[in-house]
Amino acid sequence: MEHNTAFVFPGQGSQYAGMGKDVAEKYPAARRVFDEIDAALGFSISQLCFEGPDEQLKLTQNTQPAILAVSSAIHAVLEERGAARRDLVAGHSLGEYSAIVSVGGLTPADAAKIVHARGTFMQDAVPIGTGGMAALIGPSVDDARAICEEAAQGEIVSVANINAPGQIVIAGTKAGIERAIEVAKKRGVRRALPLPVSAPFHCELMKPAEERLRPILDDAPFKDLWTSLVSNVDASPIGTATAVRNALLRQVASPVRWVESVQKMVSMGVRRFVEIGPGNVLTGLIKRIDPNVELVNVSDVPSLEAFLA
């Protein structure tokens, strides 16, 4: 079967104050998703999305449900209008939860509760200021791994996100990251810069968060997916509730294999990627992974109306 269209959902770093506001004001289906998530969380994540402040929105336990809410609200409008035709779905890190909601694996409310906890656990796993992440621009994955190995010297530092060719994010302890940046510069890497994140996601330091998330995922009412998800951890399609639960658990402390995930979808016949949610980070990454595919970004009322037209 030819898989022509994939819906993809962004992760942390795409948030901005004001996101989702125009969509919620114009479309009752979107407003309902925000209301459901606000009720499930017991506080107004919608107000945080629409108004900020940025300092609150940047806290990972808020960022995660906020981005999920915006992506799920936009998708709800597409679904209501009969425009949610897709052959595969994927999401970048946190975006995997939005993808799962979009194909019936969880309700928006249940997913929001999980990612609020996930954000809290990930932040708690490493005291603020003791871990970090850095972007390496230029090296291959093997080069990035070699840089991490040379820099480690008893510290944890490893490849966390393989985002696009020559765009790799590493994560680890503060000392490990600082050394890796030095090693990268010494090896002639084009750019190596620390990222403004509050925790070292997708590395071994997240194991405590993984263990705390386990019982929550075990208890969550996952359903089999209507459409396969290409998972971050294995870059391969999954569809059963059990496989999804397992992938989400492993994802916390494992690298996000975004390049391979996109390549896998293309190999399965995807020719059009539709990014659903705030910003256009994934659209930019996919363009670098495969310049031959069609890219569509649905993030606000104008882009939503263009997509529905």
C-alpha atoms as a PDB file:
ATOM      1  CA  MET A   1       0.000   0.000   0.000  1.00  0.00           C
ATOM      2  CA  GLU A   2       1.292   3.446  -0.940  1.00  0.00           C
ATOM      3  CA  HIS A   3       1.654   5.681   2.119  1.00  0.00           C
ATOM      4  CA  ASN A   4       1.491   9.157   0.654  1.00  0.00           C
ATOM      5  CA  THR A   5       0.900  11.588   3.555  1.00  0.00           C
ATOM      6  CA  ALA A   6       2.415  11.692   7.035  1.00  0.00           C
ATOM      7  CA  PHE A   7       1.242  13.982   9.837  1.00  0.00           C
ATOM      8  CA  VAL A   8       4.126  15.016  12.109  1.00  0.00           C
ATOM      9  CA  PHE A   9       3.947  16.783  15.469  1.00  0.00           C
ATOM     10  CA  PRO A  10       6.565  19.089  17.042  1.00  0.00           C
ATOM     11  CA  GLY A  11       8.251  18.804  20.422  1.00  0.00           C
ATOM     12  CA  GLN A  12       9.749  21.161  22.964  1.00  0.00           C
ATOM     13  CA  GLY A  13      11.324  24.334  21.617  1.00  0.00           C
ATOM     14  CA  SER A  14       8.379  25.188  19.338  1.00  0.00           C
ATOM     15  CA  GLN A  15       6.376  26.966  22.067  1.00  0.00           C
ATOM     16  CA  TYR A  16       5.583  30.694  22.065  1.00  0.00           C
ATOM     17  CA  ALA A  17       3.112  32.846  24.006  1.00  0.00           C
ATOM     18  CA  GLY A  18       0.002  33.360  21.871  1.00  0.00           C
ATOM     19  CA  MET A  19       0.112  29.917  20.244  1.00  0.00           C
ATOM     20  CA  GLY A  20      -3.276  28.344  19.540  1.00  0.00           C
ATOM     21  CA  LYS A  21      -5.230  31.462  20.536  1.00  0.00           C
ATOM     22  CA  ASP A  22      -6.593  32.336  17.085  1.00  0.00           C
ATOM     23  CA  VAL A  23      -7.500  28.694  16.402  1.00  0.00           C
ATOM     24  CA  ALA A  24      -9.393  28.333  19.717  1.00  0.00           C
ATOM     25  CA  GLU A  25     -11.283  31.596  19.117  1.00  0.00           C
ATOM     26  CA  LYS A  26     -12.360  30.600  15.616  1.00  0.00           C
ATOM     27  CA  TYR A  27     -13.072  26.870  15.909  1.00  0.00           C
ATOM     28  CA  PRO A  28     -15.257  25.332  18.668  1.00  0.00           C
ATOM     29  CA  ALA A  29     -13.613  21.908  18.066  1.00  0.00           C
ATOM     30  CA  ALA A  30     -10.244  23.416  19.045  1.00  0.00           C
ATOM     31  CA  ARG A  31     -11.689  25.245  22.058  1.00  0.00           C
ATOM     32  CA  ARG A  32     -13.162  21.952  23.314  1.00  0.00           C
ATOM     33  CA  VAL A  33      -9.715  20.308  23.313  1.00  0.00           C
ATOM     34  CA  PHE A  34      -8.254  23.170  25.368  1.00  0.00           C
ATOM     35  CA  ASP A  35     -11.201  22.980  27.799  1.00  0.00           C
ATOM     36  CA  GLU A  36     -10.789  19.199  28.216  1.00  0.00           C
ATOM     37  CA  ILE A  37      -7.066  19.554  28.904  1.00  0.00           C
ATOM     38  CA  ASP A  38      -7.568  22.456  31.346  1.00  0.00           C
ATOM     39  CA  ALA A  39     -10.106  20.352  33.256  1.00  0.00           C
ATOM     40  CA  ALA A  40      -7.816  17.297  33.306  1.00  0.00           C
ATOM     41  CA  LEU A  41      -4.815  19.279  34.586  1.00  0.00           C
ATOM     42  CA  GLY A  42      -6.747  21.356  37.113  1.00  0.00           C
ATOM     43  CA  PHE A  43      -5.200  24.604  35.852  1.00  0.00           C
ATOM     44  CA  SER A  44      -5.475  26.697  32.707  1.00  0.00           C
ATOM     45  CA  ILE A  45      -2.802  25.540  30.286  1.00  0.00           C
ATOM     46  CA  SER A  46      -4.839  27.326  27.591  1.00  0.00           C
ATOM     47  CA  GLN A  47      -4.256  30.685  29.297  1.00  0.00           C
ATOM     48  CA  LEU A  48      -0.527  29.903  29.416  1.00  0.00           C
ATOM     49  CA  CYS A  49      -0.571  29.092  25.667  1.00  0.00           C
ATOM     50  CA  PHE A  50      -2.583  32.185  24.731  1.00  0.00           C
ATOM     51  CA  GLU A  51      -1.086  34.788  27.103  1.00  0.00           C
ATOM     52  CA  GLY A  52       2.193  33.404  28.529  1.00  0.00           C
ATOM     53  CA  PRO A  53       4.186  34.569  30.482  1.00  0.00           C
ATOM     54  CA  ASP A  54       7.170  33.031  28.699  1.00  0.00           C
ATOM     55  CA  GLU A  55       8.999  32.166  31.959  1.00  0.00           C
ATOM     56  CA  GLN A  56       6.079  29.923  32.971  1.00  0.00           C
ATOM     57  CA  LEU A  57       5.595  28.513  29.475  1.00  0.00           C
ATOM     58  CA  LYS A  58       9.306  27.591  29.324  1.00  0.00           C
ATOM     59  CA  LEU A  59       9.100  25.303  32.390  1.00  0.00           C
ATOM     60  CA  THR A  60       9.157  21.817  30.927  1.00  0.00           C
ATOM     61  CA  GLN A  61       6.179  20.535  32.973  1.00  0.00           C
ATOM     62  CA  ASN A  62       4.138  23.345  31.347  1.00  0.00           C
ATOM     63  CA  THR A  63       5.750  23.329  27.898  1.00  0.00           C
ATOM     64  CA  GLN A  64       4.909  19.675  27.311  1.00  0.00           C
ATOM     65  CA  PRO A  65       1.109  19.830  27.877  1.00  0.00           C
ATOM     66  CA  ALA A  66       0.984  23.270  26.202  1.00  0.00           C
ATOM     67  CA  ILE A  67       2.442  22.057  22.894  1.00  0.00           C
ATOM     68  CA  LEU A  68       0.334  18.888  23.071  1.00  0.00           C
ATOM     69  CA  ALA A  69      -2.798  21.040  23.573  1.00  0.00           C
ATOM     70  CA  VAL A  70      -2.098  23.255  20.553  1.00  0.00           C
ATOM     71  CA  SER A  71      -1.263  20.339  18.246  1.00  0.00           C
ATOM     72  CA  SER A  72      -4.291  18.328  19.397  1.00  0.00           C
ATOM     73  CA  ALA A  73      -6.621  21.331  19.042  1.00  0.00           C
ATOM     74  CA  ILE A  74      -5.490  22.009  15.470  1.00  0.00           C
ATOM     75  CA  HIS A  75      -5.803  18.325  14.609  1.00  0.00           C
ATOM     76  CA  ALA A  76      -9.338  18.220  16.072  1.00  0.00           C
ATOM     77  CA  VAL A  77     -10.378  20.894  13.557  1.00  0.00           C
ATOM     78  CA  LEU A  78      -8.867  18.913  10.666  1.00  0.00           C
ATOM     79  CA  GLU A  79     -10.677  15.808  11.865  1.00  0.00           C
ATOM     80  CA  GLU A  80     -14.016  17.599  12.186  1.00  0.00           C
ATOM     81  CA  ARG A  81     -13.638  18.956   8.636  1.00  0.00           C
ATOM     82  CA  GLY A  82     -12.751  15.545   7.197  1.00  0.00           C
ATOM     83  CA  ALA A  83      -9.231  16.769   6.396  1.00  0.00           C
ATOM     84  CA  ALA A  84      -7.290  14.370   8.634  1.00  0.00           C
ATOM     85  CA  ARG A  85      -6.406  11.900   5.896  1.00  0.00           C
ATOM     86  CA  ARG A  86      -2.954  10.504   6.601  1.00  0.00           C
ATOM     87  CA  ASP A  87      -1.157   7.216   6.093  1.00  0.00           C
ATOM     88  CA  LEU A  88       1.446   7.473   8.881  1.00  0.00           C
ATOM     89  CA  VAL A  89       2.122   9.677  11.900  1.00  0.00           C
ATOM     90  CA  ALA A  90       5.229  10.623  13.884  1.00  0.00           C
ATOM     91  CA  GLY A  91       6.224  13.166  16.503  1.00  0.00           C
ATOM     92  CA  HIS A  92       9.506  14.597  17.747  1.00  0.00           C
ATOM     93  CA  SER A  93      10.004  13.537  21.388  1.00  0.00           C
ATOM     94  CA  LEU A  94       7.026  15.062  23.225  1.00  0.00           C
ATOM     95  CA  GLY A  95       5.319  15.340  19.803  1.00  0.00           C
ATOM     96  CA  GLU A  96       4.983  11.568  19.801  1.00  0.00           C
ATOM     97  CA  TYR A  97       2.151  11.991  22.342  1.00  0.00           C
ATOM     98  CA  SER A  98       0.326  14.457  20.050  1.00  0.00           C
ATOM     99  CA  ALA A  99       0.747  11.953  17.205  1.00  0.00           C
ATOM    100  CA  ILE A 100      -0.733   9.165  19.353  1.00  0.00           C
ATOM    101  CA  VAL A 101      -3.724  11.350  20.304  1.00  0.00           C
ATOM    102  CA  SER A 102      -4.304  12.094  16.602  1.00  0.00           C
ATOM    103  CA  VAL A 103      -4.767   8.392  15.795  1.00  0.00           C
ATOM    104  CA  GLY A 104      -6.913   7.361  18.749  1.00  0.00           C
ATOM    105  CA  GLY A 105      -4.237   5.980  21.093  1.00  0.00           C
ATOM    106  CA  LEU A 106      -5.090   8.348  23.968  1.00  0.00           C
ATOM    107  CA  THR A 107      -7.576  11.148  24.634  1.00  0.00           C
ATOM    108  CA  PRO A 108      -6.102  14.668  24.736  1.00  0.00           C
ATOM    109  CA  ALA A 109      -6.936  14.828  28.468  1.00  0.00           C
ATOM    110  CA  ASP A 110      -5.161  11.552  29.317  1.00  0.00           C
ATOM    111  CA  ALA A 111      -2.136  12.486  27.206  1.00  0.00           C
ATOM    112  CA  ALA A 112      -1.921  15.925  28.855  1.00  0.00           C
ATOM    113  CA  LYS A 113      -1.854  14.385  32.331  1.00  0.00           C
ATOM    114  CA  ILE A 114       0.939  12.006  31.281  1.00  0.00           C
ATOM    115  CA  VAL A 115       3.112  14.705  29.672  1.00  0.00           C
ATOM    116  CA  HIS A 116       2.633  17.076  32.615  1.00  0.00           C
ATOM    117  CA  ALA A 117       4.034  14.296  34.830  1.00  0.00           C
ATOM    118  CA  ARG A 118       6.704  13.473  32.225  1.00  0.00           C
ATOM    119  CA  GLY A 119       7.875  17.093  32.211  1.00  0.00           C
ATOM    120  CA  THR A 120       7.976  17.194  36.009  1.00  0.00           C
ATOM    121  CA  PHE A 121       9.894  13.899  36.229  1.00  0.00           C
ATOM    122  CA  MET A 122      12.384  14.945  33.540  1.00  0.00           C
ATOM    123  CA  GLN A 123      13.040  18.229  35.347  1.00  0.00           C
ATOM    124  CA  ASP A 124      13.382  16.487  38.729  1.00  0.00           C
ATOM    125  CA  ALA A 125      15.791  13.833  37.383  1.00  0.00           C
ATOM    126  CA  VAL A 126      18.724  16.250  37.282  1.00  0.00           C
ATOM    127  CA  PRO A 127      19.109  19.323  39.544  1.00  0.00           C
ATOM    128  CA  ILE A 128      18.834  22.551  37.512  1.00  0.00           C
ATOM    129  CA  GLY A 129      22.229  23.738  36.324  1.00  0.00           C
ATOM    130  CA  THR A 130      23.955  20.345  36.613  1.00  0.00           C
ATOM    131  CA  GLY A 131      23.041  18.970  33.181  1.00  0.00           C
ATOM    132  CA  GLY A 132      22.651  20.410  29.729  1.00  0.00           C
ATOM    133  CA  MET A 133      22.404  19.945  25.990  1.00  0.00           C
ATOM    134  CA  ALA A 134      24.362  21.317  23.045  1.00  0.00           C
ATOM    135  CA  ALA A 135      23.864  21.453  19.294  1.00  0.00           C
ATOM    136  CA  LEU A 136      26.664  20.250  17.033  1.00  0.00           C
ATOM    137  CA  ILE A 137      26.403  21.623  13.505  1.00  0.00           C
ATOM    138  CA  GLY A 138      28.374  19.782  10.833  1.00  0.00           C
ATOM    139  CA  PRO A 139      29.485  16.392  12.169  1.00  0.00           C
ATOM    140  CA  SER A 140      28.166  12.976  11.160  1.00  0.00           C
ATOM    141  CA  VAL A 141      26.473  10.829  13.814  1.00  0.00           C
ATOM    142  CA  ASP A 142      29.643   8.734  14.149  1.00  0.00           C
ATOM    143  CA  ASP A 143      31.757  11.869  14.596  1.00  0.00           C
ATOM    144  CA  ALA A 144      29.345  13.154  17.245  1.00  0.00           C
ATOM    145  CA  ARG A 145      29.534   9.831  19.104  1.00  0.00           C
ATOM    146  CA  ALA A 146      33.347   9.947  18.976  1.00  0.00           C
ATOM    147  CA  ILE A 147      33.308  13.504  20.350  1.00  0.00           C
ATOM    148  CA  CYS A 148      31.095  12.359  23.240  1.00  0.00           C
ATOM    149  CA  GLU A 149      33.352   9.373  23.979  1.00  0.00           C
ATOM    150  CA  GLU A 150      36.455  11.554  24.057  1.00  0.00           C
ATOM    151  CA  ALA A 151      34.734  14.158  26.240  1.00  0.00           C
ATOM    152  CA  ALA A 152      33.137  11.764  28.740  1.00  0.00           C
ATOM    153  CA  GLN A 153      36.103  11.009  31.065  1.00  0.00           C
ATOM    154  CA  GLY A 154      33.754   9.549  33.654  1.00  0.00           C
ATOM    155  CA  GLU A 155      30.959  12.045  32.916  1.00  0.00           C
ATOM    156  CA  ILE A 156      27.780  11.217  30.991  1.00  0.00           C
ATOM    157  CA  VAL A 157      27.530  12.822  27.557  1.00  0.00           C
ATOM    158  CA  SER A 158      25.880  11.219  24.519  1.00  0.00           C
ATOM    159  CA  VAL A 159      23.940  11.805  21.305  1.00  0.00           C
ATOM    160  CA  ALA A 160      20.352  12.792  22.208  1.00  0.00           C
ATOM    161  CA  ASN A 161      18.685  13.972  18.979  1.00  0.00           C
ATOM    162  CA  ILE A 162      19.650  13.142  15.396  1.00  0.00           C
ATOM    163  CA  ASN A 163      17.623  15.970  13.877  1.00  0.00           C
ATOM    164  CA  ALA A 164      18.946  16.441  10.340  1.00  0.00           C
ATOM    165  CA  PRO A 165      22.142  15.705   8.402  1.00  0.00           C
ATOM    166  CA  GLY A 166      24.897  17.562  10.252  1.00  0.00           C
ATOM    167  CA  GLN A 167      22.539  18.696  13.005  1.00  0.00           C
ATOM    168  CA  ILE A 168      22.948  16.662  16.158  1.00  0.00           C
ATOM    169  CA  VAL A 169      22.053  17.462  19.755  1.00  0.00           C
ATOM    170  CA  ILE A 170      24.046  15.965  22.616  1.00  0.00           C
ATOM    171  CA  ALA A 171      23.026  15.737  26.274  1.00  0.00           C
ATOM    172  CA  GLY A 172      24.785  15.052  29.547  1.00  0.00           C
ATOM    173  CA  THR A 173      26.295  16.510  32.687  1.00  0.00           C
ATOM    174  CA  LYS A 174      27.381  20.147  32.640  1.00  0.00           C
ATOM    175  CA  ALA A 175      31.072  19.146  32.717  1.00  0.00           C
ATOM    176  CA  GLY A 176      30.559  16.532  29.985  1.00  0.00           C
ATOM    177  CA  ILE A 177      28.793  19.022  27.708  1.00  0.00           C
ATOM    178  CA  GLU A 178      31.422  21.722  28.272  1.00  0.00           C
ATOM    179  CA  ARG A 179      34.206  19.268  27.419  1.00  0.00           C
ATOM    180  CA  ALA A 180      32.314  17.988  24.362  1.00  0.00           C
ATOM    181  CA  ILE A 181      32.015  21.561  23.043  1.00  0.00           C
ATOM    182  CA  GLU A 182      35.800  21.981  23.466  1.00  0.00           C
ATOM    183  CA  VAL A 183      36.517  18.614  21.776  1.00  0.00           C
ATOM    184  CA  ALA A 184      34.136  19.479  18.913  1.00  0.00           C
ATOM    185  CA  LYS A 185      35.891  22.802  18.312  1.00  0.00           C
ATOM    186  CA  LYS A 186      39.292  21.105  18.454  1.00  0.00           C
ATOM    187  CA  ARG A 187      38.075  18.599  15.830  1.00  0.00           C
ATOM    188  CA  GLY A 188      36.949  21.412  13.545  1.00  0.00           C
ATOM    189  CA  VAL A 189      33.172  21.057  13.980  1.00  0.00           C
ATOM    190  CA  ARG A 190      31.532  24.058  12.317  1.00  0.00           C
ATOM    191  CA  ARG A 191      29.501  25.113  15.353  1.00  0.00           C
ATOM    192  CA  ALA A 192      29.037  23.739  18.855  1.00  0.00           C
ATOM    193  CA  LEU A 193      26.695  25.716  21.056  1.00  0.00           C
ATOM    194  CA  PRO A 194      24.993  25.080  24.393  1.00  0.00           C
ATOM    195  CA  LEU A 195      21.170  25.054  24.218  1.00  0.00           C
ATOM    196  CA  PRO A 196      18.911  27.002  26.600  1.00  0.00           C
ATOM    197  CA  VAL A 197      17.177  23.924  28.052  1.00  0.00           C
ATOM    198  CA  SER A 198      16.441  23.155  31.678  1.00  0.00           C
ATOM    199  CA  ALA A 199      17.462  19.473  31.643  1.00  0.00           C
ATOM    200  CA  PRO A 200      19.559  16.964  29.636  1.00  0.00           C
ATOM    201  CA  PHE A 201      16.775  15.134  27.790  1.00  0.00           C
ATOM    202  CA  HIS A 202      17.147  11.781  26.007  1.00  0.00           C
ATOM    203  CA  CYS A 203      20.270  10.517  27.757  1.00  0.00           C
ATOM    204  CA  GLU A 204      21.122   8.133  30.596  1.00  0.00           C
ATOM    205  CA  LEU A 205      20.596  10.906  33.180  1.00  0.00           C
ATOM    206  CA  MET A 206      16.859  10.593  32.437  1.00  0.00           C
ATOM    207  CA  LYS A 207      16.666   6.997  33.768  1.00  0.00           C
ATOM    208  CA  PRO A 208      15.078   8.176  37.083  1.00  0.00           C
ATOM    209  CA  ALA A 209      12.363   9.952  35.061  1.00  0.00           C
ATOM    210  CA  GLU A 210      11.801   6.789  33.015  1.00  0.00           C
ATOM    211  CA  GLU A 211      11.298   4.739  36.193  1.00  0.00           C
ATOM    212  CA  ARG A 212       8.808   7.258  37.623  1.00  0.00           C
ATOM    213  CA  LEU A 213       6.913   7.388  34.324  1.00  0.00           C
ATOM    214  CA  ARG A 214       6.609   3.596  34.101  1.00  0.00           C
ATOM    215  CA  PRO A 215       3.611   3.144  36.499  1.00  0.00           C
ATOM    216  CA  ILE A 216       1.809   6.107  34.908  1.00  0.00           C
ATOM    217  CA  LEU A 217       2.168   4.630  31.421  1.00  0.00           C
ATOM    218  CA  ASP A 218       1.194   1.189  32.769  1.00  0.00           C
ATOM    219  CA  ASP A 219      -2.050   2.632  34.168  1.00  0.00           C
ATOM    220  CA  ALA A 220      -2.882   4.859  31.191  1.00  0.00           C
ATOM    221  CA  PRO A 221      -5.793   3.688  28.985  1.00  0.00           C
ATOM    222  CA  PHE A 222      -3.894   3.285  25.701  1.00  0.00           C
ATOM    223  CA  LYS A 223      -5.780   1.932  22.687  1.00  0.00           C
ATOM    224  CA  ASP A 224      -4.442   0.421  19.466  1.00  0.00           C
ATOM    225  CA  LEU A 225      -3.749   3.122  16.861  1.00  0.00           C
ATOM    226  CA  TRP A 226      -5.928   3.682  13.775  1.00  0.00           C
ATOM    227  CA  THR A 227      -2.798   4.529  11.769  1.00  0.00           C
ATOM    228  CA  SER A 228       0.785   3.401  12.409  1.00  0.00           C
ATOM    229  CA  LEU A 229       3.225   5.603  14.308  1.00  0.00           C
ATOM    230  CA  VAL A 230       6.901   5.634  13.288  1.00  0.00           C
ATOM    231  CA  SER A 231       8.548   5.702  16.710  1.00  0.00           C
ATOM    232  CA  ASN A 232      11.510   7.852  17.792  1.00  0.00           C
ATOM    233  CA  VAL A 233      13.324   5.009  19.544  1.00  0.00           C
ATOM    234  CA  ASP A 234      13.391   2.467  16.712  1.00  0.00           C
ATOM    235  CA  ALA A 235      12.435   4.541  13.645  1.00  0.00           C
ATOM    236  CA  SER A 236       9.955   1.809  12.761  1.00  0.00           C
ATOM    237  CA  PRO A 237       6.146   1.646  12.544  1.00  0.00           C
ATOM    238  CA  ILE A 238       4.120   0.462  15.547  1.00  0.00           C
ATOM    239  CA  GLY A 239       0.395   0.279  16.186  1.00  0.00           C
ATOM    240  CA  THR A 240      -0.566  -1.751  19.263  1.00  0.00           C
ATOM    241  CA  ALA A 241      -1.224  -0.192  22.662  1.00  0.00           C
ATOM    242  CA  THR A 242       1.536  -2.362  24.169  1.00  0.00           C
ATOM    243  CA  ALA A 243       4.137  -1.313  21.587  1.00  0.00           C
ATOM    244  CA  VAL A 244       3.201   2.357  22.002  1.00  0.00           C
ATOM    245  CA  ARG A 245       3.472   2.204  25.794  1.00  0.00           C
ATOM    246  CA  ASN A 246       6.877   0.523  25.523  1.00  0.00           C
ATOM    247  CA  ALA A 247       8.168   3.061  22.959  1.00  0.00           C
ATOM    248  CA  LEU A 248       7.075   6.022  25.101  1.00  0.00           C
ATOM    249  CA  LEU A 249       8.810   4.574  28.148  1.00  0.00           C
ATOM    250  CA  ARG A 250      12.105   3.907  26.343  1.00  0.00           C
ATOM    251  CA  GLN A 251      11.949   7.276  24.592  1.00  0.00           C
ATOM    252  CA  VAL A 252      12.660   9.291  27.788  1.00  0.00           C
ATOM    253  CA  ALA A 253      16.315   8.239  28.110  1.00  0.00           C
ATOM    254  CA  SER A 254      16.981   7.208  24.467  1.00  0.00           C
ATOM    255  CA  PRO A 255      18.025   9.274  21.436  1.00  0.00           C
ATOM    256  CA  VAL A 256      15.380  10.733  19.113  1.00  0.00           C
ATOM    257  CA  ARG A 257      16.190   9.145  15.741  1.00  0.00           C
ATOM    258  CA  TRP A 258      14.420  11.775  13.658  1.00  0.00           C
ATOM    259  CA  VAL A 259      16.513  11.459  10.482  1.00  0.00           C
ATOM    260  CA  GLU A 260      15.942   7.695  10.314  1.00  0.00           C
ATOM    261  CA  SER A 261      12.237   8.144  11.138  1.00  0.00           C
ATOM    262  CA  VAL A 262      11.746  10.525   8.212  1.00  0.00           C
ATOM    263  CA  GLN A 263      13.789   8.265   5.913  1.00  0.00           C
ATOM    264  CA  LYS A 264      11.668   5.292   7.006  1.00  0.00           C
ATOM    265  CA  MET A 265       8.444   7.148   6.162  1.00  0.00           C
ATOM    266  CA  VAL A 266       9.820   8.152   2.758  1.00  0.00           C
ATOM    267  CA  SER A 267      10.839   4.530   2.108  1.00  0.00           C
ATOM    268  CA  MET A 268       7.230   3.541   2.922  1.00  0.00           C
ATOM    269  CA  GLY A 269       5.986   5.913   0.221  1.00  0.00           C
ATOM    270  CA  VAL A 270       5.426   9.218   2.040  1.00  0.00           C
ATOM    271  CA  ARG A 271       5.709  12.153  -0.352  1.00  0.00           C
ATOM    272  CA  ARG A 272       3.981  14.832   1.738  1.00  0.00           C
ATOM    273  CA  PHE A 273       4.648  15.795   5.362  1.00  0.00           C
ATOM    274  CA  VAL A 274       2.134  17.937   7.234  1.00  0.00           C
ATOM    275  CA  GLU A 275       3.490  19.498  10.446  1.00  0.00           C
ATOM    276  CA  ILE A 276       0.659  20.126  12.917  1.00  0.00           C
ATOM    277  CA  GLY A 277       1.275  22.401  15.890  1.00  0.00           C
ATOM    278  CA  PRO A 278       3.163  25.538  16.886  1.00  0.00           C
ATOM    279  CA  GLY A 279       6.132  26.731  14.823  1.00  0.00           C
ATOM    280  CA  ASN A 280       7.750  25.043  11.826  1.00  0.00           C
ATOM    281  CA  VAL A 281      10.844  23.344  13.285  1.00  0.00           C
ATOM    282  CA  LEU A 282      10.103  19.901  11.800  1.00  0.00           C
ATOM    283  CA  THR A 283       9.342  21.360   8.373  1.00  0.00           C
ATOM    284  CA  GLY A 284      12.865  22.843   8.349  1.00  0.00           C
ATOM    285  CA  LEU A 285      14.467  19.586   9.502  1.00  0.00           C
ATOM    286  CA  ILE A 286      12.574  17.420   6.992  1.00  0.00           C
ATOM    287  CA  LYS A 287      13.559  19.768   4.150  1.00  0.00           C
ATOM    288  CA  ARG A 288      17.217  19.078   5.015  1.00  0.00           C
ATOM    289  CA  ILE A 289      16.650  15.320   5.326  1.00  0.00           C
ATOM    290  CA  ASP A 290      14.832  15.008   1.984  1.00  0.00           C
ATOM    291  CA  PRO A 291      14.517  18.085  -0.237  1.00  0.00           C
ATOM    292  CA  ASN A 292      12.223  16.213  -2.658  1.00  0.00           C
ATOM    293  CA  VAL A 293       9.158  15.848  -0.435  1.00  0.00           C
ATOM    294  CA  GLU A 294       6.219  18.241  -0.229  1.00  0.00           C
ATOM    295  CA  LEU A 295       6.014  20.128   3.086  1.00  0.00           C
ATOM    296  CA  VAL A 296       2.953  21.720   4.651  1.00  0.00           C
ATOM    297  CA  ASN A 297       2.813  23.519   7.981  1.00  0.00           C
ATOM    298  CA  VAL A 298      -0.459  23.961   9.918  1.00  0.00           C
ATOM    299  CA  SER A 299       0.113  26.137  12.968  1.00  0.00           C
ATOM    300  CA  ASP A 300      -2.494  28.927  13.078  1.00  0.00           C
ATOM    301  CA  VAL A 301      -5.761  30.089  11.473  1.00  0.00           C
ATOM    302  CA  PRO A 302      -4.277  31.282   8.127  1.00  0.00           C
ATOM    303  CA  SER A 303      -2.318  28.042   7.558  1.00  0.00           C
ATOM    304  CA  LEU A 304      -5.272  25.951   8.772  1.00  0.00           C
ATOM    305  CA  GLU A 305      -7.668  27.690   6.377  1.00  0.00           C
ATOM    306  CA  ALA A 306      -5.190  27.263   3.515  1.00  0.00           C
ATOM    307  CA  PHE A 307      -4.968  23.539   4.304  1.00  0.00           C
ATOM    308  CA  LEU A 308      -8.768  23.171   4.425  1.00  0.00           C
ATOM    309  CA  ALA A 309      -9.285  25.160   1.200  1.00  0.00           C
END
